[in-house]
Amino acid sequence: MTTVPVPLGERAYDILIEDGALDRAGTLLALFARQARFLIVTDAHVADAQLARLTASLDTAGLRHDTVILPPGEATKSWGQLAALTDAMLERGIERGDHVIALGGGVIGDLVGFAAAILKRGCGFVQIPTTLLAQVDSSVGGKTAINSAAGKNLIGAFHQPAFVLIDPTTLDTLPRREMLAGYAEVVKYGLIDDAAFFDWCEANLPALLAGDSAARAHAIRHSVSAKARIVVADERETTGTRALLNLGHTFGHALEADTGFSDRLLHGEAVAAGMALAFRFSARLGLCPADDAARVTRHLAAAGLPTTLDAAGVRADGAALVAHMAHDKKMEGGRLPFLLARGIGRTFLAKDVSLDEVAAFLEDERQRTDAA
């Protein structure tokens, strides 16, 4: 068992990582029970795979509970599902002192967290992430959101969970594609500011993808600790430190927009392609050694992740992709900050990037991959 604290004053919480923790969730969550009840929110896929484990544990602990099951997929992060969920929470009498349990991946965590942030001006929630992506990234840090027609995660709030329970055994039922999508976020921590961890990823990729429990546990612990450290330093992304966690996301969100925020391109797959693009763009600008950019692309491709527009299923031209970026929530004064790199483990925030240069780069990328 590992506990990673997130010391944020009155918003402080712990992240517990333990194989089998879901089966004793009732004992662990009893502290957060008000009137001895919980509302579990999950999706249909996770309900089939993991819900019985959680409800059995709550029953054993004598905690009353109800469940809301939502459709799976990125489309669930919508106004319609947010309205349906908040109505369900009100119908069940959820109060400000209660806690709602988000059991699922990043979509469920983001949606439930946002619903908890706005219901009666804020109630509590607990994250129980069941995908690798959610375990190493989205369940930690308090960013909650839904998508809109204009772009991804544009409607949201900062709302920290009261507790995060990570049970790596939930990954045993995860489809390989979802596992790979989560791995992109693991690699990200090495590329941001920890070249030694990227070395570890290169050496341990086969074991991790084969389900080796020790490799899996190390990847989760290291990633969660890195995310917690950055969140504590810059909770609301005001100093630029937390922005480092967006490596690959500006490019990636544009790719997701072009593919309709659908299962055609999972978020982690978009981030993988976005990181490869960010490193190649950095090399094009003379900021990053070409060998480092090639190494990043090679590793992500070896993991089975997309690293080009073609592999991501994106057919839009450079101008169209930049038009998607214009809706990015990080836009300031008509300029969009970009996460670029001076090398592996040396990511930085650039605020002077020309979107025309970005469009030209993406057009070259499209023409090169289309011709390949």
Protein backbone atom coordinates (compact mmCIF):
# COMPACT_ATOMS: atom_id res chain seq x y z
CA MET A 1 0.00 0.00 0.00
CA THR A 2 1.19 3.49 -0.89
CA THR A 3 -0.36 6.75 0.25
CA VAL A 4 0.49 9.95 -1.62
CA PRO A 5 -0.64 13.12 0.18
CA VAL A 6 -1.85 16.17 -1.72
CA PRO A 7 -1.32 18.98 0.85
CA LEU A 8 -3.63 21.78 -0.27
CA GLY A 9 -4.63 23.23 3.08
CA GLU A 10 -8.36 22.79 3.74
CA ARG A 11 -8.62 21.01 0.36
CA ALA A 12 -5.94 18.45 1.24
CA TYR A 13 -6.57 14.78 0.50
CA ASP A 14 -4.79 11.47 0.17
CA ILE A 15 -4.32 9.16 -2.79
CA LEU A 16 -4.24 5.52 -1.73
CA ILE A 17 -2.72 2.98 -4.12
CA GLU A 18 -3.17 -0.68 -3.26
CA ASP A 19 -3.95 -3.91 -5.08
CA GLY A 20 -7.39 -5.04 -3.95
CA ALA A 21 -8.33 -1.71 -2.36
CA LEU A 22 -11.68 -1.75 -4.16
CA ASP A 23 -12.68 -4.82 -2.16
CA ARG A 24 -12.23 -2.96 1.13
CA ALA A 25 -13.53 0.39 -0.10
CA GLY A 26 -16.33 0.33 2.46
CA THR A 27 -13.86 0.45 5.34
CA LEU A 28 -11.79 3.13 3.61
CA LEU A 29 -14.80 5.28 2.70
CA ALA A 30 -16.68 5.03 5.99
CA LEU A 31 -14.97 8.23 7.11
CA PHE A 32 -16.70 10.12 4.30
CA ALA A 33 -20.17 8.65 4.80
CA ARG A 34 -22.85 11.10 5.83
CA GLN A 35 -26.06 9.49 6.96
CA ALA A 36 -24.19 6.29 6.00
CA ARG A 37 -24.96 6.66 2.30
CA PHE A 38 -23.21 7.13 -1.03
CA LEU A 39 -24.21 7.69 -4.61
CA ILE A 40 -22.03 5.74 -7.04
CA VAL A 41 -21.80 7.09 -10.58
CA THR A 42 -20.29 4.86 -13.23
CA ASP A 43 -20.74 3.85 -16.86
CA ALA A 44 -22.19 0.68 -18.33
CA HIS A 45 -18.83 -0.92 -19.14
CA VAL A 46 -17.32 -0.28 -15.72
CA ALA A 47 -20.54 -1.38 -14.03
CA ASP A 48 -20.22 -4.78 -15.68
CA ALA A 49 -16.57 -5.16 -14.68
CA GLN A 50 -16.20 -3.51 -11.26
CA LEU A 51 -19.45 -2.29 -9.70
CA ALA A 52 -20.22 -5.53 -7.83
CA ARG A 53 -16.86 -5.36 -6.05
CA LEU A 54 -17.58 -1.85 -4.78
CA THR A 55 -21.18 -2.45 -3.74
CA ALA A 56 -20.26 -5.66 -1.91
CA SER A 57 -17.63 -3.76 0.05
CA LEU A 58 -20.06 -0.97 0.94
CA ASP A 59 -22.66 -3.56 2.00
CA THR A 60 -20.12 -5.27 4.24
CA ALA A 61 -19.33 -1.95 5.90
CA GLY A 62 -23.03 -1.24 6.42
CA LEU A 63 -23.04 1.79 4.12
CA ARG A 64 -26.20 2.52 2.14
CA HIS A 65 -25.71 3.32 -1.50
CA ASP A 66 -27.46 4.00 -4.76
CA THR A 67 -26.10 3.89 -8.30
CA VAL A 68 -26.41 5.93 -11.49
CA ILE A 69 -25.16 4.19 -14.63
CA LEU A 70 -24.32 6.41 -17.61
CA PRO A 71 -23.43 5.59 -21.22
CA PRO A 72 -19.73 4.93 -21.88
CA GLY A 73 -17.57 7.15 -24.09
CA GLU A 74 -16.38 10.72 -24.50
CA ALA A 75 -19.85 11.85 -25.63
CA THR A 76 -21.02 11.44 -22.02
CA LYS A 77 -19.06 14.58 -21.08
CA SER A 78 -21.94 16.71 -22.34
CA TRP A 79 -24.53 19.26 -21.17
CA GLY A 80 -27.26 16.66 -21.53
CA GLN A 81 -25.56 14.06 -19.33
CA LEU A 82 -24.54 16.73 -16.82
CA ALA A 83 -28.18 17.81 -16.51
CA ALA A 84 -29.32 14.20 -16.17
CA LEU A 85 -26.72 13.50 -13.49
CA THR A 86 -27.41 16.60 -11.40
CA ASP A 87 -31.15 15.88 -11.59
CA ALA A 88 -30.45 12.32 -10.37
CA MET A 89 -28.32 13.67 -7.52
CA LEU A 90 -31.10 16.05 -6.46
CA GLU A 91 -33.75 13.34 -6.73
CA ARG A 92 -31.71 11.21 -4.36
CA GLY A 93 -31.38 14.05 -1.88
CA ILE A 94 -27.63 14.57 -2.12
CA GLU A 95 -26.59 17.33 0.26
CA ARG A 96 -23.50 19.50 0.44
CA GLY A 97 -21.97 17.32 3.11
CA ASP A 98 -22.46 14.12 1.11
CA HIS A 99 -19.94 12.44 -1.17
CA VAL A 100 -20.57 11.08 -4.63
CA ILE A 101 -18.29 8.28 -5.86
CA ALA A 102 -16.90 8.52 -9.38
CA LEU A 103 -16.19 4.91 -10.40
CA GLY A 104 -14.67 4.82 -13.85
CA GLY A 105 -12.25 6.45 -16.23
CA GLY A 106 -11.53 10.06 -17.03
CA VAL A 107 -14.94 10.76 -18.55
CA ILE A 108 -16.80 9.69 -15.41
CA GLY A 109 -14.31 11.42 -13.12
CA ASP A 110 -14.50 14.71 -15.03
CA LEU A 111 -18.30 14.67 -15.27
CA VAL A 112 -18.95 13.63 -11.66
CA GLY A 113 -16.39 16.12 -10.36
CA PHE A 114 -18.03 18.95 -12.27
CA ALA A 115 -21.50 17.91 -11.11
CA ALA A 116 -20.21 17.86 -7.52
CA ALA A 117 -18.66 21.30 -8.00
CA ILE A 118 -21.92 22.93 -9.06
CA LEU A 119 -24.57 20.99 -7.13
CA LYS A 120 -25.77 23.30 -4.33
CA ARG A 121 -22.54 25.27 -4.93
CA GLY A 122 -20.38 22.29 -4.11
CA CYS A 123 -20.62 18.86 -2.54
CA GLY A 124 -17.97 16.23 -1.91
CA PHE A 125 -16.82 13.49 -4.22
CA VAL A 126 -14.44 10.55 -4.20
CA GLN A 127 -12.44 9.33 -7.18
CA ILE A 128 -12.09 5.59 -7.79
CA PRO A 129 -10.38 5.54 -11.19
CA THR A 130 -10.51 2.28 -13.12
CA THR A 131 -8.39 3.10 -16.19
CA LEU A 132 -4.65 3.70 -16.31
CA LEU A 133 -5.18 7.18 -17.74
CA ALA A 134 -7.48 8.16 -14.88
CA GLN A 135 -5.25 6.55 -12.26
CA VAL A 136 -2.10 8.39 -13.31
CA ASP A 137 -3.61 11.69 -14.39
CA SER A 138 -7.22 12.82 -14.45
CA SER A 139 -8.30 11.57 -11.00
CA VAL A 140 -5.70 13.78 -9.31
CA GLY A 141 -5.65 17.57 -9.24
CA GLY A 142 -9.25 18.71 -9.21
CA LYS A 143 -9.75 19.64 -12.86
CA THR A 144 -13.35 18.83 -13.78
CA ALA A 145 -15.14 19.60 -17.03
CA ILE A 146 -17.46 18.71 -19.86
CA ASN A 147 -16.99 19.25 -23.58
CA SER A 148 -18.88 21.70 -25.76
CA ALA A 149 -19.38 22.10 -29.49
CA ALA A 150 -16.48 24.58 -29.47
CA GLY A 151 -13.95 22.21 -27.93
CA LYS A 152 -12.81 19.88 -25.20
CA ASN A 153 -13.08 20.66 -21.47
CA LEU A 154 -14.17 24.26 -22.07
CA ILE A 155 -16.91 24.17 -19.41
CA GLY A 156 -15.61 23.20 -15.99
CA ALA A 157 -14.31 24.09 -12.56
CA PHE A 158 -11.49 23.33 -10.15
CA HIS A 159 -12.96 21.03 -7.49
CA GLN A 160 -10.64 18.76 -5.52
CA PRO A 161 -11.80 15.28 -4.51
CA ALA A 162 -11.95 14.32 -0.86
CA PHE A 163 -10.10 11.05 -1.49
CA VAL A 164 -8.65 9.06 -4.39
CA LEU A 165 -8.65 5.27 -4.19
CA ILE A 166 -6.52 3.55 -6.83
CA ASP A 167 -6.74 -0.22 -7.17
CA PRO A 168 -4.37 -1.37 -9.94
CA THR A 169 -6.21 -4.70 -10.20
CA THR A 170 -9.06 -2.88 -11.97
CA LEU A 171 -6.68 -2.68 -14.93
CA ASP A 172 -6.89 -6.46 -15.35
CA THR A 173 -10.18 -6.05 -17.23
CA LEU A 174 -9.08 -2.98 -19.20
CA PRO A 175 -8.99 -3.40 -23.00
CA ARG A 176 -5.47 -3.16 -24.39
CA ARG A 177 -6.30 -0.03 -26.37
CA GLU A 178 -7.40 1.76 -23.18
CA MET A 179 -4.25 0.58 -21.43
CA LEU A 180 -2.10 2.04 -24.19
CA ALA A 181 -4.02 5.32 -24.10
CA GLY A 182 -3.24 5.59 -20.39
CA TYR A 183 0.40 4.78 -21.00
CA ALA A 184 0.73 8.00 -22.99
CA GLU A 185 0.09 9.95 -19.78
CA VAL A 186 2.69 7.87 -17.94
CA VAL A 187 5.35 8.70 -20.53
CA LYS A 188 4.38 12.37 -20.28
CA TYR A 189 5.87 12.65 -16.78
CA GLY A 190 9.26 11.57 -18.09
CA LEU A 191 9.13 14.00 -20.99
CA ILE A 192 8.12 16.96 -18.81
CA ASP A 193 10.99 17.10 -16.34
CA ASP A 194 12.25 13.60 -15.52
CA ALA A 195 14.51 12.12 -18.20
CA ALA A 196 15.44 9.24 -15.87
CA PHE A 197 11.79 8.18 -15.73
CA PHE A 198 11.61 8.23 -19.51
CA ASP A 199 14.64 5.90 -19.48
CA TRP A 200 12.68 3.64 -17.11
CA CYS A 201 9.71 3.68 -19.47
CA GLU A 202 11.89 2.64 -22.39
CA ALA A 203 13.38 -0.23 -20.38
CA ASN A 204 10.11 -1.44 -18.83
CA LEU A 205 7.55 -0.94 -21.59
CA PRO A 206 7.28 -4.66 -22.45
CA ALA A 207 6.78 -5.69 -18.82
CA LEU A 208 4.27 -2.93 -18.18
CA LEU A 209 2.14 -3.78 -21.19
CA ALA A 210 2.34 -7.48 -20.34
CA GLY A 211 0.65 -6.73 -17.01
CA ASP A 212 3.68 -7.08 -14.73
CA SER A 213 2.34 -5.97 -11.34
CA ALA A 214 5.62 -4.47 -10.10
CA ALA A 215 6.10 -2.39 -13.24
CA ARG A 216 2.48 -1.30 -13.16
CA ALA A 217 2.67 -0.28 -9.51
CA HIS A 218 5.88 1.70 -10.05
CA ALA A 219 4.42 3.54 -13.05
CA ILE A 220 1.30 4.52 -11.12
CA ARG A 221 3.16 5.56 -7.94
CA HIS A 222 5.71 7.63 -9.81
CA SER A 223 3.13 9.32 -12.01
CA VAL A 224 0.76 10.14 -9.15
CA SER A 225 3.59 11.53 -7.04
CA ALA A 226 4.77 13.70 -9.93
CA LYS A 227 1.27 15.01 -10.59
CA ALA A 228 0.65 15.72 -6.90
CA ARG A 229 3.92 17.66 -6.65
CA ILE A 230 3.01 19.85 -9.63
CA VAL A 231 -0.58 20.40 -8.46
CA VAL A 232 0.54 21.51 -5.01
CA ALA A 233 2.99 23.98 -6.59
CA ASP A 234 0.33 25.49 -8.88
CA GLU A 235 -3.18 24.28 -8.05
CA ARG A 236 -5.08 26.57 -10.43
CA GLU A 237 -2.47 26.88 -13.16
CA THR A 238 -1.61 30.49 -12.37
CA THR A 239 2.21 30.36 -12.33
CA GLY A 240 2.77 28.20 -15.39
CA THR A 241 4.10 25.19 -13.47
CA ARG A 242 0.91 23.15 -13.78
CA ALA A 243 0.69 24.03 -17.46
CA LEU A 244 3.57 21.59 -18.00
CA LEU A 245 1.03 18.80 -17.51
CA ASN A 246 -0.56 19.91 -20.79
CA LEU A 247 2.34 18.60 -22.88
CA GLY A 248 0.84 17.23 -26.09
CA HIS A 249 -2.65 18.42 -25.22
CA THR A 250 -2.84 21.52 -27.42
CA PHE A 251 -2.03 19.48 -30.51
CA GLY A 252 -3.99 16.53 -29.11
CA HIS A 253 -7.21 18.43 -28.46
CA ALA A 254 -7.18 19.69 -32.05
CA LEU A 255 -6.88 16.10 -33.26
CA GLU A 256 -9.75 15.06 -30.98
CA ALA A 257 -11.89 17.89 -32.33
CA ASP A 258 -11.18 16.83 -35.90
CA THR A 259 -12.22 13.25 -35.08
CA GLY A 260 -15.40 14.37 -33.34
CA PHE A 261 -14.42 13.70 -29.69
CA SER A 262 -15.24 10.06 -30.30
CA ASP A 263 -13.82 6.57 -29.99
CA ARG A 264 -12.16 7.11 -33.34
CA LEU A 265 -9.33 8.66 -31.33
CA LEU A 266 -9.09 8.18 -27.58
CA HIS A 267 -7.80 11.04 -25.43
CA GLY A 268 -4.57 9.24 -24.57
CA GLU A 269 -3.98 8.40 -28.22
CA ALA A 270 -4.42 12.07 -29.10
CA VAL A 271 -1.99 13.06 -26.35
CA ALA A 272 0.59 10.57 -27.67
CA ALA A 273 0.36 12.01 -31.17
CA GLY A 274 0.36 15.51 -29.67
CA MET A 275 3.56 14.87 -27.72
CA ALA A 276 5.30 13.47 -30.79
CA LEU A 277 4.18 16.53 -32.77
CA ALA A 278 5.32 18.89 -29.99
CA PHE A 279 8.80 17.36 -29.99
CA ARG A 280 9.07 17.38 -33.80
CA PHE A 281 7.85 20.99 -33.88
CA SER A 282 10.43 21.88 -31.23
CA ALA A 283 13.13 20.24 -33.37
CA ARG A 284 11.89 22.16 -36.43
CA LEU A 285 12.28 25.41 -34.47
CA GLY A 286 15.83 24.45 -33.48
CA LEU A 287 14.91 24.14 -29.80
CA CYS A 288 15.23 20.39 -29.38
CA PRO A 289 17.77 17.89 -30.73
CA ALA A 290 16.29 15.98 -33.65
CA ASP A 291 17.56 12.76 -32.05
CA ASP A 292 15.40 13.40 -28.96
CA ALA A 293 12.33 14.03 -31.09
CA ALA A 294 13.00 10.83 -33.01
CA ARG A 295 13.49 8.91 -29.77
CA VAL A 296 10.14 10.09 -28.40
CA THR A 297 8.36 9.18 -31.64
CA ARG A 298 10.08 5.79 -31.73
CA HIS A 299 9.10 4.91 -28.16
CA LEU A 300 5.46 5.92 -28.51
CA ALA A 301 5.20 4.01 -31.78
CA ALA A 302 6.77 0.95 -30.13
CA ALA A 303 3.99 1.12 -27.55
CA GLY A 304 1.43 0.97 -30.34
CA LEU A 305 0.37 4.61 -30.03
CA PRO A 306 -0.18 7.02 -32.94
CA THR A 307 2.61 9.51 -33.57
CA THR A 308 1.49 11.08 -36.87
CA LEU A 309 -1.65 12.74 -38.20
CA ASP A 310 -2.18 9.81 -40.53
CA ALA A 311 -1.93 7.23 -37.75
CA ALA A 312 -4.36 9.29 -35.65
CA GLY A 313 -6.89 9.21 -38.49
CA VAL A 314 -6.74 12.98 -38.96
CA ARG A 315 -7.30 14.30 -42.47
CA ALA A 316 -7.73 18.04 -41.82
CA ASP A 317 -5.19 20.49 -43.18
CA GLY A 318 -2.94 22.62 -41.00
CA ALA A 319 -5.20 25.67 -41.10
CA ALA A 320 -8.23 23.66 -39.98
CA LEU A 321 -6.36 22.13 -37.07
CA VAL A 322 -5.11 25.55 -35.94
CA ALA A 323 -8.70 26.81 -36.15
CA HIS A 324 -9.62 24.16 -33.58
CA MET A 325 -6.80 25.44 -31.37
CA ALA A 326 -8.30 28.93 -31.44
CA HIS A 327 -10.93 27.72 -28.98
CA ASP A 328 -8.33 26.45 -26.51
CA LYS A 329 -9.04 27.64 -22.97
CA LYS A 330 -5.38 28.65 -22.55
CA MET A 331 -5.69 31.37 -25.20
CA GLU A 332 -4.45 34.72 -23.83
CA GLY A 333 -4.68 38.00 -25.70
CA GLY A 334 -5.14 36.21 -29.00
CA ARG A 335 -2.01 34.10 -28.49
CA LEU A 336 -1.89 30.46 -27.50
CA PRO A 337 0.88 29.20 -25.20
CA PHE A 338 2.49 25.96 -26.37
CA LEU A 339 4.36 23.30 -24.41
CA LEU A 340 7.62 22.81 -26.29
CA ALA A 341 10.84 21.01 -25.40
CA ARG A 342 14.55 21.63 -25.32
CA GLY A 343 15.03 17.90 -24.98
CA ILE A 344 13.64 14.91 -23.15
CA GLY A 345 12.80 16.00 -19.60
CA ARG A 346 13.16 19.67 -20.54
CA THR A 347 9.66 20.90 -21.38
CA PHE A 348 8.85 24.59 -21.16
CA LEU A 349 5.93 26.95 -21.81
CA ALA A 350 6.40 29.12 -24.90
CA LYS A 351 4.13 32.15 -25.29
CA ASP A 352 5.54 33.53 -28.53
CA VAL A 353 4.65 30.74 -30.96
CA SER A 354 3.23 31.85 -34.28
CA LEU A 355 0.04 29.99 -35.17
CA ASP A 356 0.98 30.47 -38.82
CA GLU A 357 4.17 28.50 -38.13
CA VAL A 358 2.11 25.83 -36.39
CA ALA A 359 -0.24 25.60 -39.36
CA ALA A 360 2.68 25.33 -41.79
CA PHE A 361 4.27 22.61 -39.66
CA LEU A 362 1.04 20.62 -39.49
CA GLU A 363 0.54 20.99 -43.23
CA ASP A 364 4.02 19.61 -43.81
CA GLU A 365 3.25 16.77 -41.41
CA ARG A 366 0.04 15.99 -43.28
CA GLN A 367 1.63 16.06 -46.68
CA ARG A 368 4.58 13.96 -45.53
CA THR A 369 2.43 11.29 -43.90
CA ASP A 370 -0.12 11.28 -46.72
CA ALA A 371 2.66 10.70 -49.21
CA ALA A 372 4.36 7.99 -47.13
